[in-house]
Amino acid sequence: MNVVFLPEVRTYMRNLVTTLYEKGYFGFQDSSRKYVIELHNDIITYLPIHPSKPAPKYFEKYGKDLKYAVFKKSKHTQWYVFFKIYKVKGEIIYQIRYISNNHLIAQYL
């Protein structure tokens, strides 16, 4: 089993550290960085065993037949991870194609 992030998702995660800090969600950039690292690690560790659902049609712009899983990080914030599953030479690959949170995309779910 392997979890891989598309380059644009990796870029989003790197930029998320600065965004969360600049918007005042965290008082220190180190706290923001720790939060994003924990999110990343949660995805890698738990995505294969996390419940998932078929993604609504709205998200087909990120790929056909996507699934999504929800990662709750606080009382107010859930992260939605959209992915495809591939089997390559007997290994299952989870390809992360898009990530966002309930504050931005809840109306589409």
PDB file of N, CA and C in Angstrom:
ATOM      1  N   MET A   1       0.835  -1.169   0.000  1.00  0.00           N
ATOM      2  CA  MET A   1       0.000   0.000   0.000  1.00  0.00           C
ATOM      3  C   MET A   1       0.889   1.243   0.000  1.00  0.00           C
ATOM      4  N   ASN A   2       0.487   2.210  -0.829  1.00  0.00           N
ATOM      5  CA  ASN A   2       1.273   3.430  -0.932  1.00  0.00           C
ATOM      6  C   ASN A   2       0.313   4.602  -1.125  1.00  0.00           C
ATOM      7  N   VAL A   3       0.565   5.705  -0.443  1.00  0.00           N
ATOM      8  CA  VAL A   3      -0.229   6.921  -0.592  1.00  0.00           C
ATOM      9  C   VAL A   3       0.664   7.966  -1.249  1.00  0.00           C
ATOM     10  N   VAL A   4       0.218   8.480  -2.403  1.00  0.00           N
ATOM     11  CA  VAL A   4       0.997   9.496  -3.118  1.00  0.00           C
ATOM     12  C   VAL A   4       0.125  10.729  -3.349  1.00  0.00           C
ATOM     13  N   PHE A   5       0.765  11.867  -3.317  1.00  0.00           N
ATOM     14  CA  PHE A   5       0.093  13.148  -3.504  1.00  0.00           C
ATOM     15  C   PHE A   5       0.497  13.710  -4.859  1.00  0.00           C
ATOM     16  N   LEU A   6      -0.483  14.174  -5.639  1.00  0.00           N
ATOM     17  CA  LEU A   6      -0.143  14.855  -6.888  1.00  0.00           C
ATOM     18  C   LEU A   6       0.687  16.092  -6.559  1.00  0.00           C
ATOM     19  N   PRO A   7       1.541  16.536  -7.487  1.00  0.00           N
ATOM     20  CA  PRO A   7       2.384  17.717  -7.218  1.00  0.00           C
ATOM     21  C   PRO A   7       1.584  18.940  -6.785  1.00  0.00           C
ATOM     22  N   GLU A   8       0.423  19.168  -7.404  1.00  0.00           N
ATOM     23  CA  GLU A   8      -0.372  20.344  -7.032  1.00  0.00           C
ATOM     24  C   GLU A   8      -0.936  20.222  -5.617  1.00  0.00           C
ATOM     25  N   VAL A   9      -1.159  19.025  -5.142  1.00  0.00           N
ATOM     26  CA  VAL A   9      -1.620  18.820  -3.767  1.00  0.00           C
ATOM     27  C   VAL A   9      -0.472  19.053  -2.791  1.00  0.00           C
ATOM     28  N   ARG A  10       0.718  18.603  -3.163  1.00  0.00           N
ATOM     29  CA  ARG A  10       1.892  18.873  -2.307  1.00  0.00           C
ATOM     30  C   ARG A  10       2.125  20.378  -2.203  1.00  0.00           C
ATOM     31  N   THR A  11       1.984  21.094  -3.303  1.00  0.00           N
ATOM     32  CA  THR A  11       2.136  22.551  -3.291  1.00  0.00           C
ATOM     33  C   THR A  11       1.082  23.193  -2.405  1.00  0.00           C
ATOM     34  N   TYR A  12      -0.151  22.732  -2.517  1.00  0.00           N
ATOM     35  CA  TYR A  12      -1.235  23.252  -1.680  1.00  0.00           C
ATOM     36  C   TYR A  12      -0.905  23.064  -0.199  1.00  0.00           C
ATOM     37  N   MET A  13      -0.426  21.893   0.159  1.00  0.00           N
ATOM     38  CA  MET A  13      -0.098  21.617   1.563  1.00  0.00           C
ATOM     39  C   MET A  13       1.032  22.528   2.066  1.00  0.00           C
ATOM     40  N   ARG A  14       2.046  22.746   1.220  1.00  0.00           N
ATOM     41  CA  ARG A  14       3.144  23.647   1.619  1.00  0.00           C
ATOM     42  C   ARG A  14       2.608  25.066   1.818  1.00  0.00           C
ATOM     43  N   ASN A  15       1.754  25.529   0.899  1.00  0.00           N
ATOM     44  CA  ASN A  15       1.198  26.871   1.001  1.00  0.00           C
ATOM     45  C   ASN A  15       0.214  27.006   2.159  1.00  0.00           C
ATOM     46  N   LEU A  16      -0.407  25.910   2.541  1.00  0.00           N
ATOM     47  CA  LEU A  16      -1.376  25.923   3.627  1.00  0.00           C
ATOM     48  C   LEU A  16      -0.740  26.369   4.941  1.00  0.00           C
ATOM     49  N   VAL A  17       0.494  26.036   5.150  1.00  0.00           N
ATOM     50  CA  VAL A  17       1.199  26.461   6.368  1.00  0.00           C
ATOM     51  C   VAL A  17       1.160  27.977   6.476  1.00  0.00           C
ATOM     52  N   THR A  18       1.519  28.660   5.418  1.00  0.00           N
ATOM     53  CA  THR A  18       1.547  30.129   5.409  1.00  0.00           C
ATOM     54  C   THR A  18       0.138  30.704   5.475  1.00  0.00           C
ATOM     55  N   THR A  19      -0.785  30.117   4.735  1.00  0.00           N
ATOM     56  CA  THR A  19      -2.168  30.613   4.713  1.00  0.00           C
ATOM     57  C   THR A  19      -2.790  30.561   6.101  1.00  0.00           C
ATOM     58  N   LEU A  20      -2.656  29.443   6.784  1.00  0.00           N
ATOM     59  CA  LEU A  20      -3.243  29.307   8.117  1.00  0.00           C
ATOM     60  C   LEU A  20      -2.637  30.306   9.106  1.00  0.00           C
ATOM     61  N   TYR A  21      -1.338  30.546   8.977  1.00  0.00           N
ATOM     62  CA  TYR A  21      -0.669  31.506   9.852  1.00  0.00           C
ATOM     63  C   TYR A  21      -1.107  32.938   9.526  1.00  0.00           C
ATOM     64  N   GLU A  22      -1.085  33.296   8.246  1.00  0.00           N
ATOM     65  CA  GLU A  22      -1.415  34.669   7.840  1.00  0.00           C
ATOM     66  C   GLU A  22      -2.878  35.026   8.113  1.00  0.00           C
ATOM     67  N   LYS A  23      -3.764  34.057   8.064  1.00  0.00           N
ATOM     68  CA  LYS A  23      -5.183  34.325   8.335  1.00  0.00           C
ATOM     69  C   LYS A  23      -5.504  34.276   9.825  1.00  0.00           C
ATOM     70  N   GLY A  24      -4.485  34.036  10.637  1.00  0.00           N
ATOM     71  CA  GLY A  24      -4.656  34.103  12.080  1.00  0.00           C
ATOM     72  C   GLY A  24      -5.212  32.854  12.743  1.00  0.00           C
ATOM     73  N   TYR A  25      -5.239  31.738  12.037  1.00  0.00           N
ATOM     74  CA  TYR A  25      -5.707  30.502  12.656  1.00  0.00           C
ATOM     75  C   TYR A  25      -4.686  29.968  13.658  1.00  0.00           C
ATOM     76  N   PHE A  26      -3.432  30.349  13.450  1.00  0.00           N
ATOM     77  CA  PHE A  26      -2.360  29.966  14.370  1.00  0.00           C
ATOM     78  C   PHE A  26      -1.516  31.193  14.668  1.00  0.00           C
ATOM     79  N   GLY A  27      -1.088  31.332  15.930  1.00  0.00           N
ATOM     80  CA  GLY A  27      -0.293  32.483  16.332  1.00  0.00           C
ATOM     81  C   GLY A  27       1.169  32.378  15.937  1.00  0.00           C
ATOM     82  N   PHE A  28       1.609  31.167  15.656  1.00  0.00           N
ATOM     83  CA  PHE A  28       3.007  30.946  15.282  1.00  0.00           C
ATOM     84  C   PHE A  28       3.059  30.081  14.028  1.00  0.00           C
ATOM     85  N   GLN A  29       4.019  30.378  13.175  1.00  0.00           N
ATOM     86  CA  GLN A  29       4.165  29.598  11.953  1.00  0.00           C
ATOM     87  C   GLN A  29       4.528  28.140  12.270  1.00  0.00           C
ATOM     88  N   ASP A  30       5.271  27.924  13.339  1.00  0.00           N
ATOM     89  CA  ASP A  30       5.611  26.552  13.738  1.00  0.00           C
ATOM     90  C   ASP A  30       4.358  25.748  14.095  1.00  0.00           C
ATOM     91  N   SER A  31       3.392  26.384  14.738  1.00  0.00           N
ATOM     92  CA  SER A  31       2.135  25.703  15.076  1.00  0.00           C
ATOM     93  C   SER A  31       1.370  25.348  13.814  1.00  0.00           C
ATOM     94  N   SER A  32       1.363  26.252  12.884  1.00  0.00           N
ATOM     95  CA  SER A  32       0.707  26.009  11.599  1.00  0.00           C
ATOM     96  C   SER A  32       1.383  24.851  10.861  1.00  0.00           C
ATOM     97  N   ARG A  33       2.693  24.858  10.857  1.00  0.00           N
ATOM     98  CA  ARG A  33       3.467  23.785  10.209  1.00  0.00           C
ATOM     99  C   ARG A  33       3.169  22.433  10.861  1.00  0.00           C
ATOM    100  N   LYS A  34       3.123  22.413  12.189  1.00  0.00           N
ATOM    101  CA  LYS A  34       2.834  21.169  12.912  1.00  0.00           C
ATOM    102  C   LYS A  34       1.445  20.645  12.538  1.00  0.00           C
ATOM    103  N   TYR A  35       0.460  21.527  12.447  1.00  0.00           N
ATOM    104  CA  TYR A  35      -0.899  21.149  12.081  1.00  0.00           C
ATOM    105  C   TYR A  35      -0.930  20.496  10.694  1.00  0.00           C
ATOM    106  N   VAL A  36      -0.259  21.098   9.726  1.00  0.00           N
ATOM    107  CA  VAL A  36      -0.240  20.562   8.359  1.00  0.00           C
ATOM    108  C   VAL A  36       0.516  19.229   8.311  1.00  0.00           C
ATOM    109  N   ILE A  37       1.603  19.128   9.034  1.00  0.00           N
ATOM    110  CA  ILE A  37       2.351  17.860   9.090  1.00  0.00           C
ATOM    111  C   ILE A  37       1.476  16.766   9.695  1.00  0.00           C
ATOM    112  N   GLU A  38       0.742  17.087  10.748  1.00  0.00           N
ATOM    113  CA  GLU A  38      -0.155  16.094  11.355  1.00  0.00           C
ATOM    114  C   GLU A  38      -1.254  15.671  10.388  1.00  0.00           C
ATOM    115  N   LEU A  39      -1.807  16.625   9.653  1.00  0.00           N
ATOM    116  CA  LEU A  39      -2.814  16.295   8.638  1.00  0.00           C
ATOM    117  C   LEU A  39      -2.222  15.360   7.592  1.00  0.00           C
ATOM    118  N   HIS A  40      -1.059  15.710   7.097  1.00  0.00           N
ATOM    119  CA  HIS A  40      -0.367  14.884   6.100  1.00  0.00           C
ATOM    120  C   HIS A  40      -0.134  13.472   6.635  1.00  0.00           C
ATOM    121  N   ASN A  41       0.378  13.371   7.857  1.00  0.00           N
ATOM    122  CA  ASN A  41       0.650  12.060   8.461  1.00  0.00           C
ATOM    123  C   ASN A  41      -0.628  11.259   8.699  1.00  0.00           C
ATOM    124  N   ASP A  42      -1.697  11.932   9.102  1.00  0.00           N
ATOM    125  CA  ASP A  42      -2.986  11.255   9.273  1.00  0.00           C
ATOM    126  C   ASP A  42      -3.462  10.657   7.953  1.00  0.00           C
ATOM    127  N   ILE A  43      -3.318  11.406   6.887  1.00  0.00           N
ATOM    128  CA  ILE A  43      -3.742  10.923   5.575  1.00  0.00           C
ATOM    129  C   ILE A  43      -2.934   9.694   5.179  1.00  0.00           C
ATOM    130  N   ILE A  44      -1.631   9.781   5.295  1.00  0.00           N
ATOM    131  CA  ILE A  44      -0.768   8.656   4.908  1.00  0.00           C
ATOM    132  C   ILE A  44      -1.072   7.418   5.763  1.00  0.00           C
ATOM    133  N   THR A  45      -1.260   7.621   7.040  1.00  0.00           N
ATOM    134  CA  THR A  45      -1.450   6.502   7.962  1.00  0.00           C
ATOM    135  C   THR A  45      -2.847   5.894   7.880  1.00  0.00           C
ATOM    136  N   TYR A  46      -3.866   6.732   7.813  1.00  0.00           N
ATOM    137  CA  TYR A  46      -5.222   6.238   7.997  1.00  0.00           C
ATOM    138  C   TYR A  46      -6.084   6.164   6.740  1.00  0.00           C
ATOM    139  N   LEU A  47      -5.693   6.783   5.648  1.00  0.00           N
ATOM    140  CA  LEU A  47      -6.542   6.763   4.455  1.00  0.00           C
ATOM    141  C   LEU A  47      -6.929   5.349   4.036  1.00  0.00           C
ATOM    142  N   PRO A  48      -6.007   4.405   3.993  1.00  0.00           N
ATOM    143  CA  PRO A  48      -6.381   3.059   3.550  1.00  0.00           C
ATOM    144  C   PRO A  48      -7.427   2.362   4.439  1.00  0.00           C
ATOM    145  N   ILE A  49      -7.546   2.764   5.688  1.00  0.00           N
ATOM    146  CA  ILE A  49      -8.512   2.114   6.569  1.00  0.00           C
ATOM    147  C   ILE A  49      -9.679   3.029   6.932  1.00  0.00           C
ATOM    148  N   HIS A  50      -9.642   4.258   6.429  1.00  0.00           N
ATOM    149  CA  HIS A  50     -10.668   5.251   6.715  1.00  0.00           C
ATOM    150  C   HIS A  50     -11.899   4.978   5.852  1.00  0.00           C
ATOM    151  N   PRO A  51     -13.111   5.177   6.395  1.00  0.00           N
ATOM    152  CA  PRO A  51     -14.296   5.047   5.547  1.00  0.00           C
ATOM    153  C   PRO A  51     -14.252   6.096   4.425  1.00  0.00           C
ATOM    154  N   SER A  52     -14.693   5.691   3.255  1.00  0.00           N
ATOM    155  CA  SER A  52     -14.730   6.635   2.134  1.00  0.00           C
ATOM    156  C   SER A  52     -16.057   6.515   1.408  1.00  0.00           C
ATOM    157  N   LYS A  53     -16.351   7.541   0.616  1.00  0.00           N
ATOM    158  CA  LYS A  53     -17.594   7.606  -0.157  1.00  0.00           C
ATOM    159  C   LYS A  53     -17.249   8.024  -1.577  1.00  0.00           C
ATOM    160  N   PRO A  54     -18.130   7.733  -2.536  1.00  0.00           N
ATOM    161  CA  PRO A  54     -17.928   8.254  -3.886  1.00  0.00           C
ATOM    162  C   PRO A  54     -18.062   9.786  -3.877  1.00  0.00           C
ATOM    163  N   ALA A  55     -17.192  10.461  -4.584  1.00  0.00           N
ATOM    164  CA  ALA A  55     -17.225  11.924  -4.629  1.00  0.00           C
ATOM    165  C   ALA A  55     -18.377  12.396  -5.521  1.00  0.00           C
ATOM    166  N   PRO A  56     -19.038  13.491  -5.132  1.00  0.00           N
ATOM    167  CA  PRO A  56     -20.086  14.053  -5.981  1.00  0.00           C
ATOM    168  C   PRO A  56     -19.528  14.499  -7.339  1.00  0.00           C
ATOM    169  N   LYS A  57     -20.410  14.620  -8.312  1.00  0.00           N
ATOM    170  CA  LYS A  57     -20.014  14.988  -9.673  1.00  0.00           C
ATOM    171  C   LYS A  57     -19.223  16.294  -9.719  1.00  0.00           C
ATOM    172  N   TYR A  58     -19.524  17.228  -8.836  1.00  0.00           N
ATOM    173  CA  TYR A  58     -18.822  18.510  -8.819  1.00  0.00           C
ATOM    174  C   TYR A  58     -17.305  18.327  -8.830  1.00  0.00           C
ATOM    175  N   PHE A  59     -16.813  17.288  -8.206  1.00  0.00           N
ATOM    176  CA  PHE A  59     -15.379  17.085  -8.049  1.00  0.00           C
ATOM    177  C   PHE A  59     -14.739  16.310  -9.199  1.00  0.00           C
ATOM    178  N   GLU A  60     -15.505  16.010 -10.243  1.00  0.00           N
ATOM    179  CA  GLU A  60     -14.940  15.302 -11.397  1.00  0.00           C
ATOM    180  C   GLU A  60     -13.863  16.110 -12.109  1.00  0.00           C
ATOM    181  N   LYS A  61     -13.807  17.407 -11.859  1.00  0.00           N
ATOM    182  CA  LYS A  61     -12.733  18.216 -12.459  1.00  0.00           C
ATOM    183  C   LYS A  61     -11.363  17.782 -11.927  1.00  0.00           C
ATOM    184  N   TYR A  62     -11.342  17.030 -10.833  1.00  0.00           N
ATOM    185  CA  TYR A  62     -10.089  16.513 -10.278  1.00  0.00           C
ATOM    186  C   TYR A  62      -9.850  15.059 -10.664  1.00  0.00           C
ATOM    187  N   GLY A  63     -10.792  14.476 -11.390  1.00  0.00           N
ATOM    188  CA  GLY A  63     -10.651  13.101 -11.851  1.00  0.00           C
ATOM    189  C   GLY A  63     -11.983  12.378 -11.810  1.00  0.00           C
ATOM    190  N   LYS A  64     -12.129  11.406 -12.662  1.00  0.00           N
ATOM    191  CA  LYS A  64     -13.355  10.601 -12.727  1.00  0.00           C
ATOM    192  C   LYS A  64     -13.329   9.536 -11.632  1.00  0.00           C
ATOM    193  N   ASP A  65     -14.505   9.186 -11.165  1.00  0.00           N
ATOM    194  CA  ASP A  65     -14.676   8.091 -10.197  1.00  0.00           C
ATOM    195  C   ASP A  65     -13.824   8.259  -8.943  1.00  0.00           C
ATOM    196  N   LEU A  66     -13.782   9.493  -8.441  1.00  0.00           N
ATOM    197  CA  LEU A  66     -13.033   9.735  -7.208  1.00  0.00           C
ATOM    198  C   LEU A  66     -13.813   9.260  -5.995  1.00  0.00           C
ATOM    199  N   LYS A  67     -13.079   8.981  -4.959  1.00  0.00           N
ATOM    200  CA  LYS A  67     -13.637   8.728  -3.636  1.00  0.00           C
ATOM    201  C   LYS A  67     -13.145   9.850  -2.734  1.00  0.00           C
ATOM    202  N   TYR A  68     -13.805  10.005  -1.586  1.00  0.00           N
ATOM    203  CA  TYR A  68     -13.289  10.964  -0.616  1.00  0.00           C
ATOM    204  C   TYR A  68     -13.443  10.426   0.797  1.00  0.00           C
ATOM    205  N   ALA A  69     -12.554  10.886   1.649  1.00  0.00           N
ATOM    206  CA  ALA A  69     -12.577  10.543   3.068  1.00  0.00           C
ATOM    207  C   ALA A  69     -12.508  11.839   3.859  1.00  0.00           C
ATOM    208  N   VAL A  70     -13.090  11.816   5.038  1.00  0.00           N
ATOM    209  CA  VAL A  70     -13.148  13.004   5.888  1.00  0.00           C
ATOM    210  C   VAL A  70     -12.217  12.806   7.084  1.00  0.00           C
ATOM    211  N   PHE A  71     -11.376  13.817   7.323  1.00  0.00           N
ATOM    212  CA  PHE A  71     -10.469  13.822   8.464  1.00  0.00           C
ATOM    213  C   PHE A  71     -10.828  15.021   9.337  1.00  0.00           C
ATOM    214  N   LYS A  72     -11.351  14.726  10.510  1.00  0.00           N
ATOM    215  CA  LYS A  72     -11.765  15.783  11.431  1.00  0.00           C
ATOM    216  C   LYS A  72     -10.561  16.229  12.256  1.00  0.00           C
ATOM    217  N   LYS A  73     -10.242  17.519  12.195  1.00  0.00           N
ATOM    218  CA  LYS A  73      -9.079  18.035  12.928  1.00  0.00           C
ATOM    219  C   LYS A  73      -9.471  18.882  14.136  1.00  0.00           C
ATOM    220  N   SER A  74     -10.732  19.341  14.184  1.00  0.00           N
ATOM    221  CA  SER A  74     -11.196  20.113  15.338  1.00  0.00           C
ATOM    222  C   SER A  74     -12.725  20.071  15.349  1.00  0.00           C
ATOM    223  N   LYS A  75     -13.318  20.732  16.339  1.00  0.00           N
ATOM    224  CA  LYS A  75     -14.777  20.789  16.402  1.00  0.00           C
ATOM    225  C   LYS A  75     -15.366  21.464  15.160  1.00  0.00           C
ATOM    226  N   HIS A  76     -14.584  22.339  14.542  1.00  0.00           N
ATOM    227  CA  HIS A  76     -15.120  23.161  13.461  1.00  0.00           C
ATOM    228  C   HIS A  76     -14.561  22.837  12.078  1.00  0.00           C
ATOM    229  N   THR A  77     -13.516  22.061  12.013  1.00  0.00           N
ATOM    230  CA  THR A  77     -12.857  21.855  10.717  1.00  0.00           C
ATOM    231  C   THR A  77     -12.675  20.380  10.389  1.00  0.00           C
ATOM    232  N   GLN A  78     -13.188  20.018   9.227  1.00  0.00           N
ATOM    233  CA  GLN A  78     -12.978  18.693   8.661  1.00  0.00           C
ATOM    234  C   GLN A  78     -12.281  18.870   7.320  1.00  0.00           C
ATOM    235  N   TRP A  79     -11.321  18.026   7.049  1.00  0.00           N
ATOM    236  CA  TRP A  79     -10.604  18.045   5.781  1.00  0.00           C
ATOM    237  C   TRP A  79     -11.114  16.907   4.910  1.00  0.00           C
ATOM    238  N   TYR A  80     -11.382  17.236   3.651  1.00  0.00           N
ATOM    239  CA  TYR A  80     -11.885  16.263   2.685  1.00  0.00           C
ATOM    240  C   TYR A  80     -10.751  15.921   1.730  1.00  0.00           C
ATOM    241  N   VAL A  81     -10.444  14.645   1.661  1.00  0.00           N
ATOM    242  CA  VAL A  81      -9.340  14.154   0.844  1.00  0.00           C
ATOM    243  C   VAL A  81      -9.939  13.355  -0.306  1.00  0.00           C
ATOM    244  N   PHE A  82      -9.710  13.824  -1.533  1.00  0.00           N
ATOM    245  CA  PHE A  82     -10.253  13.182  -2.725  1.00  0.00           C
ATOM    246  C   PHE A  82      -9.146  12.377  -3.394  1.00  0.00           C
ATOM    247  N   PHE A  83      -9.465  11.143  -3.747  1.00  0.00           N
ATOM    248  CA  PHE A  83      -8.416  10.248  -4.219  1.00  0.00           C
ATOM    249  C   PHE A  83      -8.953   9.201  -5.183  1.00  0.00           C
ATOM    250  N   LYS A  84      -8.019   8.593  -5.899  1.00  0.00           N
ATOM    251  CA  LYS A  84      -8.286   7.439  -6.742  1.00  0.00           C
ATOM    252  C   LYS A  84      -7.448   6.290  -6.209  1.00  0.00           C
ATOM    253  N   ILE A  85      -7.946   5.097  -6.445  1.00  0.00           N
ATOM    254  CA  ILE A  85      -7.213   3.902  -6.038  1.00  0.00           C
ATOM    255  C   ILE A  85      -6.787   3.155  -7.292  1.00  0.00           C
ATOM    256  N   TYR A  86      -5.509   2.826  -7.361  1.00  0.00           N
ATOM    257  CA  TYR A  86      -4.951   2.069  -8.477  1.00  0.00           C
ATOM    258  C   TYR A  86      -4.290   0.814  -7.926  1.00  0.00           C
ATOM    259  N   LYS A  87      -4.204  -0.174  -8.774  1.00  0.00           N
ATOM    260  CA  LYS A  87      -3.439  -1.365  -8.429  1.00  0.00           C
ATOM    261  C   LYS A  87      -2.330  -1.497  -9.469  1.00  0.00           C
ATOM    262  N   VAL A  88      -1.078  -1.436  -9.018  1.00  0.00           N
ATOM    263  CA  VAL A  88       0.085  -1.501  -9.893  1.00  0.00           C
ATOM    264  C   VAL A  88       0.980  -2.635  -9.404  1.00  0.00           C
ATOM    265  N   LYS A  89       1.147  -3.617 -10.253  1.00  0.00           N
ATOM    266  CA  LYS A  89       1.982  -4.786  -9.924  1.00  0.00           C
ATOM    267  C   LYS A  89       1.629  -5.365  -8.551  1.00  0.00           C
ATOM    268  N   GLY A  90       0.339  -5.475  -8.293  1.00  0.00           N
ATOM    269  CA  GLY A  90      -0.123  -6.059  -7.045  1.00  0.00           C
ATOM    270  C   GLY A  90      -0.152  -5.105  -5.857  1.00  0.00           C
ATOM    271  N   GLU A  91       0.387  -3.902  -6.018  1.00  0.00           N
ATOM    272  CA  GLU A  91       0.398  -2.929  -4.922  1.00  0.00           C
ATOM    273  C   GLU A  91      -0.761  -1.949  -5.093  1.00  0.00           C
ATOM    274  N   ILE A  92      -1.434  -1.653  -3.999  1.00  0.00           N
ATOM    275  CA  ILE A  92      -2.532  -0.688  -4.032  1.00  0.00           C
ATOM    276  C   ILE A  92      -1.955   0.706  -3.807  1.00  0.00           C
ATOM    277  N   ILE A  93      -2.294   1.611  -4.728  1.00  0.00           N
ATOM    278  CA  ILE A  93      -1.822   3.003  -4.666  1.00  0.00           C
ATOM    279  C   ILE A  93      -3.031   3.915  -4.436  1.00  0.00           C
ATOM    280  N   TYR A  94      -2.940   4.755  -3.424  1.00  0.00           N
ATOM    281  CA  TYR A  94      -3.938   5.785  -3.172  1.00  0.00           C
ATOM    282  C   TYR A  94      -3.347   7.096  -3.685  1.00  0.00           C
ATOM    283  N   GLN A  95      -3.934   7.624  -4.739  1.00  0.00           N
ATOM    284  CA  GLN A  95      -3.418   8.858  -5.339  1.00  0.00           C
ATOM    285  C   GLN A  95      -4.300  10.027  -4.892  1.00  0.00           C
ATOM    286  N   ILE A  96      -3.739  10.913  -4.076  1.00  0.00           N
ATOM    287  CA  ILE A  96      -4.459  12.079  -3.576  1.00  0.00           C
ATOM    288  C   ILE A  96      -4.490  13.126  -4.682  1.00  0.00           C
ATOM    289  N   ARG A  97      -5.711  13.517  -5.076  1.00  0.00           N
ATOM    290  CA  ARG A  97      -5.878  14.433  -6.201  1.00  0.00           C
ATOM    291  C   ARG A  97      -6.353  15.828  -5.785  1.00  0.00           C
ATOM    292  N   TYR A  98      -6.933  15.938  -4.585  1.00  0.00           N
ATOM    293  CA  TYR A  98      -7.454  17.236  -4.140  1.00  0.00           C
ATOM    294  C   TYR A  98      -7.711  17.160  -2.638  1.00  0.00           C
ATOM    295  N   ILE A  99      -7.472  18.259  -1.956  1.00  0.00           N
ATOM    296  CA  ILE A  99      -7.759  18.375  -0.520  1.00  0.00           C
ATOM    297  C   ILE A  99      -8.385  19.740  -0.280  1.00  0.00           C
ATOM    298  N   SER A 100      -9.419  19.768   0.553  1.00  0.00           N
ATOM    299  CA  SER A 100     -10.013  21.032   0.976  1.00  0.00           C
ATOM    300  C   SER A 100     -10.736  20.799   2.298  1.00  0.00           C
ATOM    301  N   ASN A 101     -11.315  21.865   2.830  1.00  0.00           N
ATOM    302  CA  ASN A 101     -11.995  21.704   4.114  1.00  0.00           C
ATOM    303  C   ASN A 101     -13.462  22.117   4.031  1.00  0.00           C
ATOM    304  N   ASN A 102     -14.202  21.846   5.095  1.00  0.00           N
ATOM    305  CA  ASN A 102     -15.632  22.110   5.112  1.00  0.00           C
ATOM    306  C   ASN A 102     -15.961  23.595   4.947  1.00  0.00           C
ATOM    307  N   HIS A 103     -15.066  24.482   5.335  1.00  0.00           N
ATOM    308  CA  HIS A 103     -15.321  25.911   5.215  1.00  0.00           C
ATOM    309  C   HIS A 103     -15.389  26.353   3.756  1.00  0.00           C
ATOM    310  N   LEU A 104     -14.741  25.586   2.883  1.00  0.00           N
ATOM    311  CA  LEU A 104     -14.668  25.961   1.460  1.00  0.00           C
ATOM    312  C   LEU A 104     -15.574  25.129   0.561  1.00  0.00           C
ATOM    313  N   ILE A 105     -15.804  23.866   0.893  1.00  0.00           N
ATOM    314  CA  ILE A 105     -16.499  23.013  -0.081  1.00  0.00           C
ATOM    315  C   ILE A 105     -17.732  22.298   0.468  1.00  0.00           C
ATOM    316  N   ALA A 106     -18.130  22.555   1.684  1.00  0.00           N
ATOM    317  CA  ALA A 106     -19.253  21.807   2.272  1.00  0.00           C
ATOM    318  C   ALA A 106     -20.510  21.871   1.414  1.00  0.00           C
ATOM    319  N   GLN A 107     -20.733  22.981   0.742  1.00  0.00           N
ATOM    320  CA  GLN A 107     -21.958  23.136  -0.057  1.00  0.00           C
ATOM    321  C   GLN A 107     -22.000  22.201  -1.251  1.00  0.00           C
ATOM    322  N   TYR A 108     -20.867  21.621  -1.640  1.00  0.00           N
ATOM    323  CA  TYR A 108     -20.805  20.723  -2.792  1.00  0.00           C
ATOM    324  C   TYR A 108     -20.905  19.245  -2.409  1.00  0.00           C
ATOM    325  N   LEU A 109     -20.947  18.957  -1.119  1.00  0.00           N
ATOM    326  CA  LEU A 109     -20.982  17.564  -0.669  1.00  0.00           C
ATOM    327  C   LEU A 109     -22.395  17.118  -0.317  1.00  0.00           C
TER     328      LEU A 109
END
